[in-house]
C-alpha atoms as a PDB file:
ATOM      1  CA  UNK A   1       0.000   0.000   0.000  1.00  0.00           C
ATOM      2  CA  UNK A   2       1.269   3.470  -0.914  1.00  0.00           C
ATOM      3  CA  UNK A   3       1.169   5.647   2.255  1.00  0.00           C
ATOM      4  CA  UNK A   4       1.426   8.831   0.166  1.00  0.00           C
ATOM      5  CA  UNK A   5      -1.552   8.120  -2.050  1.00  0.00           C
ATOM      6  CA  UNK A   6      -3.927   5.999  -0.008  1.00  0.00           C
ATOM      7  CA  UNK A   7      -6.904   8.314  -0.498  1.00  0.00           C
ATOM      8  CA  UNK A   8      -7.745   8.637   3.202  1.00  0.00           C
ATOM      9  CA  UNK A   9      -9.162  11.841   4.612  1.00  0.00           C
ATOM     10  CA  UNK A  10      -7.992  13.122   8.019  1.00  0.00           C
ATOM     11  CA  UNK A  11     -10.542  12.508  10.750  1.00  0.00           C
ATOM     12  CA  UNK A  12     -11.094  16.281  11.138  1.00  0.00           C
ATOM     13  CA  UNK A  13     -12.857  16.290   7.753  1.00  0.00           C
ATOM     14  CA  UNK A  14     -16.607  15.648   7.498  1.00  0.00           C
ATOM     15  CA  UNK A  15     -17.666  12.233   6.176  1.00  0.00           C
ATOM     16  CA  UNK A  16     -18.410  12.052   2.450  1.00  0.00           C
ATOM     17  CA  UNK A  17     -15.717  14.574   1.553  1.00  0.00           C
ATOM     18  CA  UNK A  18     -13.736  13.850  -1.604  1.00  0.00           C
ATOM     19  CA  UNK A  19     -10.356  12.291  -0.852  1.00  0.00           C
ATOM     20  CA  UNK A  20      -6.932  13.392  -2.059  1.00  0.00           C
ATOM     21  CA  UNK A  21      -5.563  11.070  -4.738  1.00  0.00           C
ATOM     22  CA  UNK A  22      -3.861  11.497  -8.112  1.00  0.00           C
ATOM     23  CA  UNK A  23      -7.140  12.453  -9.814  1.00  0.00           C
ATOM     24  CA  UNK A  24      -7.487  15.414  -7.449  1.00  0.00           C
ATOM     25  CA  UNK A  25      -4.121  16.925  -8.442  1.00  0.00           C
ATOM     26  CA  UNK A  26      -3.807  19.223 -11.443  1.00  0.00           C
ATOM     27  CA  UNK A  27      -1.582  21.797 -13.071  1.00  0.00           C
ATOM     28  CA  UNK A  28      -4.747  23.780 -13.851  1.00  0.00           C
ATOM     29  CA  UNK A  29      -6.249  26.375 -11.513  1.00  0.00           C
ATOM     30  CA  UNK A  30      -9.462  24.378 -11.014  1.00  0.00           C
ATOM     31  CA  UNK A  31     -10.827  20.849 -11.210  1.00  0.00           C
ATOM     32  CA  UNK A  32     -13.927  20.054 -13.282  1.00  0.00           C
ATOM     33  CA  UNK A  33     -17.000  19.069 -11.288  1.00  0.00           C
ATOM     34  CA  UNK A  34     -15.852  20.530  -7.976  1.00  0.00           C
ATOM     35  CA  UNK A  35     -15.594  23.958  -6.433  1.00  0.00           C
ATOM     36  CA  UNK A  36     -12.849  25.209  -4.150  1.00  0.00           C
ATOM     37  CA  UNK A  37     -14.262  26.086  -0.737  1.00  0.00           C
ATOM     38  CA  UNK A  38     -11.004  26.710   1.166  1.00  0.00           C
ATOM     39  CA  UNK A  39      -7.409  27.538   0.273  1.00  0.00           C
ATOM     40  CA  UNK A  40      -4.893  25.947   2.658  1.00  0.00           C
ATOM     41  CA  UNK A  41      -1.765  27.462   1.112  1.00  0.00           C
ATOM     42  CA  UNK A  42       1.313  26.250  -0.692  1.00  0.00           C
ATOM     43  CA  UNK A  43       2.441  22.648  -0.239  1.00  0.00           C
ATOM     44  CA  UNK A  44       5.728  21.256  -1.456  1.00  0.00           C
ATOM     45  CA  UNK A  45       8.058  18.354  -1.693  1.00  0.00           C
ATOM     46  CA  UNK A  46      11.780  18.827  -2.119  1.00  0.00           C
ATOM     47  CA  UNK A  47      14.750  16.537  -2.675  1.00  0.00           C
ATOM     48  CA  UNK A  48      18.417  17.053  -3.476  1.00  0.00           C
ATOM     49  CA  UNK A  49      19.957  14.351  -5.632  1.00  0.00           C
ATOM     50  CA  UNK A  50      23.330  13.350  -6.971  1.00  0.00           C
ATOM     51  CA  UNK A  51      24.427  10.420  -9.081  1.00  0.00           C
ATOM     52  CA  UNK A  52      26.976   8.064  -7.551  1.00  0.00           C
ATOM     53  CA  UNK A  53      30.463   7.646  -9.004  1.00  0.00           C
ATOM     54  CA  UNK A  54      29.350   4.343 -10.537  1.00  0.00           C
ATOM     55  CA  UNK A  55      26.221   6.012 -11.962  1.00  0.00           C
ATOM     56  CA  UNK A  56      28.294   8.802 -13.483  1.00  0.00           C
ATOM     57  CA  UNK A  57      30.648   6.245 -15.009  1.00  0.00           C
ATOM     58  CA  UNK A  58      27.755   4.259 -16.526  1.00  0.00           C
ATOM     59  CA  UNK A  59      26.076   7.456 -17.711  1.00  0.00           C
ATOM     60  CA  UNK A  60      29.348   8.533 -19.332  1.00  0.00           C
ATOM     61  CA  UNK A  61      29.545   5.230 -21.192  1.00  0.00           C
ATOM     62  CA  UNK A  62      25.942   5.635 -22.384  1.00  0.00           C
ATOM     63  CA  UNK A  63      26.729   9.117 -23.751  1.00  0.00           C
ATOM     64  CA  UNK A  64      29.316   7.552 -26.065  1.00  0.00           C
ATOM     65  CA  UNK A  65      26.522   5.708 -27.867  1.00  0.00           C
ATOM     66  CA  UNK A  66      24.025   8.592 -27.902  1.00  0.00           C
ATOM     67  CA  UNK A  67      20.283   8.408 -27.376  1.00  0.00           C
ATOM     68  CA  UNK A  68      18.431   8.322 -24.076  1.00  0.00           C
ATOM     69  CA  UNK A  69      20.781   8.208 -21.090  1.00  0.00           C
ATOM     70  CA  UNK A  70      18.596   5.843 -19.076  1.00  0.00           C
ATOM     71  CA  UNK A  71      20.544   6.012 -15.831  1.00  0.00           C
ATOM     72  CA  UNK A  72      19.949   9.781 -15.677  1.00  0.00           C
ATOM     73  CA  UNK A  73      16.346   9.440 -16.834  1.00  0.00           C
ATOM     74  CA  UNK A  74      15.709   7.049 -13.943  1.00  0.00           C
ATOM     75  CA  UNK A  75      17.364   9.458 -11.493  1.00  0.00           C
ATOM     76  CA  UNK A  76      15.187  12.343 -12.699  1.00  0.00           C
ATOM     77  CA  UNK A  77      11.998  10.283 -12.578  1.00  0.00           C
ATOM     78  CA  UNK A  78      12.791   9.027  -9.085  1.00  0.00           C
ATOM     79  CA  UNK A  79      13.427  12.577  -7.854  1.00  0.00           C
ATOM     80  CA  UNK A  80      10.141  13.812  -9.367  1.00  0.00           C
ATOM     81  CA  UNK A  81       8.214  10.918  -7.832  1.00  0.00           C
ATOM     82  CA  UNK A  82       9.717  11.558  -4.378  1.00  0.00           C
ATOM     83  CA  UNK A  83       8.902  15.260  -4.450  1.00  0.00           C
ATOM     84  CA  UNK A  84       5.360  14.586  -5.697  1.00  0.00           C
ATOM     85  CA  UNK A  85       4.757  12.097  -2.882  1.00  0.00           C
ATOM     86  CA  UNK A  86       6.144  14.526  -0.300  1.00  0.00           C
ATOM     87  CA  UNK A  87       3.869  17.272  -1.644  1.00  0.00           C
ATOM     88  CA  UNK A  88       0.874  14.910  -1.357  1.00  0.00           C
ATOM     89  CA  UNK A  89       1.836  14.053   2.221  1.00  0.00           C
ATOM     90  CA  UNK A  90       2.179  17.741   3.101  1.00  0.00           C
ATOM     91  CA  UNK A  91      -1.284  18.435   1.634  1.00  0.00           C
ATOM     92  CA  UNK A  92      -2.837  15.549   3.608  1.00  0.00           C
ATOM     93  CA  UNK A  93      -1.276  16.871   6.811  1.00  0.00           C
ATOM     94  CA  UNK A  94      -3.068  20.187   6.189  1.00  0.00           C
ATOM     95  CA  UNK A  95      -6.379  18.407   5.540  1.00  0.00           C
ATOM     96  CA  UNK A  96      -6.527  19.119   1.792  1.00  0.00           C
ATOM     97  CA  UNK A  97      -8.496  16.944  -0.591  1.00  0.00           C
ATOM     98  CA  UNK A  98      -7.086  18.498  -3.793  1.00  0.00           C
ATOM     99  CA  UNK A  99      -4.026  20.324  -5.072  1.00  0.00           C
ATOM    100  CA  UNK A 100      -4.192  22.855  -7.902  1.00  0.00           C
ATOM    101  CA  UNK A 101      -1.536  24.775  -9.865  1.00  0.00           C
ATOM    102  CA  UNK A 102       1.083  22.027  -9.441  1.00  0.00           C
ATOM    103  CA  UNK A 103       4.546  22.772 -10.814  1.00  0.00           C
ATOM    104  CA  UNK A 104       8.018  21.227 -10.823  1.00  0.00           C
ATOM    105  CA  UNK A 105      11.269  23.143 -10.601  1.00  0.00           C
ATOM    106  CA  UNK A 106      14.878  21.967 -10.681  1.00  0.00           C
ATOM    107  CA  UNK A 107      18.035  23.846  -9.778  1.00  0.00           C
ATOM    108  CA  UNK A 108      21.616  22.724 -10.085  1.00  0.00           C
ATOM    109  CA  UNK A 109      23.160  23.547  -6.711  1.00  0.00           C
ATOM    110  CA  UNK A 110      26.636  22.562  -7.835  1.00  0.00           C
ATOM    111  CA  UNK A 111      28.133  20.222 -10.408  1.00  0.00           C
ATOM    112  CA  UNK A 112      26.357  16.873 -10.041  1.00  0.00           C
ATOM    113  CA  UNK A 113      23.986  18.062  -7.282  1.00  0.00           C
ATOM    114  CA  UNK A 114      20.411  18.989  -8.221  1.00  0.00           C
ATOM    115  CA  UNK A 115      17.470  20.196  -6.161  1.00  0.00           C
ATOM    116  CA  UNK A 116      14.019  19.115  -7.393  1.00  0.00           C
ATOM    117  CA  UNK A 117      10.927  20.848  -6.069  1.00  0.00           C
ATOM    118  CA  UNK A 118       7.258  19.987  -6.602  1.00  0.00           C
ATOM    119  CA  UNK A 119       4.741  22.514  -5.341  1.00  0.00           C
ATOM    120  CA  UNK A 120       1.126  23.534  -5.632  1.00  0.00           C
ATOM    121  CA  UNK A 121      -1.793  25.031  -3.740  1.00  0.00           C
ATOM    122  CA  UNK A 122      -3.568  22.757  -1.262  1.00  0.00           C
ATOM    123  CA  UNK A 123      -7.324  23.264  -1.288  1.00  0.00           C
ATOM    124  CA  UNK A 124     -10.515  21.791   0.055  1.00  0.00           C
ATOM    125  CA  UNK A 125     -13.070  21.103  -2.655  1.00  0.00           C
ATOM    126  CA  UNK A 126     -16.625  19.854  -2.693  1.00  0.00           C
ATOM    127  CA  UNK A 127     -18.764  18.551  -5.561  1.00  0.00           C
ATOM    128  CA  UNK A 128     -20.634  21.184  -7.538  1.00  0.00           C
ATOM    129  CA  UNK A 129     -24.343  21.140  -6.885  1.00  0.00           C
END
């Protein structure tokens, strides 16, 4: 079971409230079929990643042949997944059941060291009537 995306609603929320899961997260400013009733503020997940010496060596070999450098693709995808899950956890801790305006950002802190950030606005939504 995925503790970051289990769809549970904190006990402080009324029964029948929509639960936070991947379908309740969007890069848009609204979700179809629901209305935002409360803004809980910015939520985020952050990670700082580096590739190991072995990973850099293997990535260097892959660059000799061109194409997709899979070892770096996997690193990037893992970092994005971690930050997304942390953002979801942060939103659940605030009692959100949706996140709007989600964005990713990445910054190279130094050679081989990258910060990845996933952020959005945690909201409480209810079905449109």
